[in-house]
Amino acid sequence: MKQNKYDDSEFFENYSQMPRSIGGLNAAGEWQELRAMLPELRGKQVLDLGCGFGWHCRYAREQHARAVVGVDLSENMLERARAMTNDSEIKYLRLAIEDINFNAGEFDVVISSLALHYVEHFDIPCQKIHHSLVPGGTFVLSVEHPVFTALASQDWYYGQKGERLHWPVDDYHHEASRQTNFLDNEVVKYHRTVATHINTLIESGFRITKVSEPQPTQEMLDRHPDMRDETRRPIFLMIAAVKN
């Protein structure tokens, strides 16, 4: 199943109002950690899978990447990305992540931020990404954390007064689709365990170099005290890997 919720006008409008959609990378709580996991980008050929508004593509060029390709299935996303981009060395392609078919060794770095949990079969993009990277090339990805995706409700367990008591985890080892509510719409995400993410990368020919489960920085907590509960359970899983 290849989802394209972002070309639904109501869903896209709601997404466009999110802080990260307006403020870009600096409004994304996990960005500082993801940025630290990226390799040196100067002179590199970079691929961004699930590029959205093109924030990571433009960042790569700001870091003097030689050229960048951004891939997304949503025409709405790509239209916005193109409108926000004034750089002939950034190319945007409308394509499902599962359908990429780049040449061997075409890229030095592949990035995918919060997109792969919408892809049913994780092994297929991993193998294609491995093929498209140069030897020693880097793949950095972020997904919603399996602790977060295990239950379709993706919500706290509340007390009688509406207080957040704990984050429930159940059916963790049942890897399958989860129909969840996101931005007042029904969306299908795919739950996989931490082990499946890591082992699939290894089996695809990667060496894991770093794993991160970031939490809000103290600076973010000072600015947004309502994020305090985000320290109680992981919401993102990030992995950096190198092609053997």
Foldseek 3Di string as FASTA:
>chain_A
DFDACCQVVLLVVLVCPDQCNVVPLVSDQCNVVLVVLDDQQAQWEEEEEQCFLPRVVVVSVVSHHPAYEYEEQYPVRVVNNVVVDDDPRYHYDRDGLLPDAAAFQQGQEYEYEADCQQPFDPLSSLLRVLRNHDAFGKYKYKHWALQQPQAQASDADADPVRHGDARDHDNSCVWAWHFHADSNDTGITTHDHPVVVVVSNVVSQKDWDDKDQDAGDPVVCVVPVVSVCCVRDGTMIMTMITHD
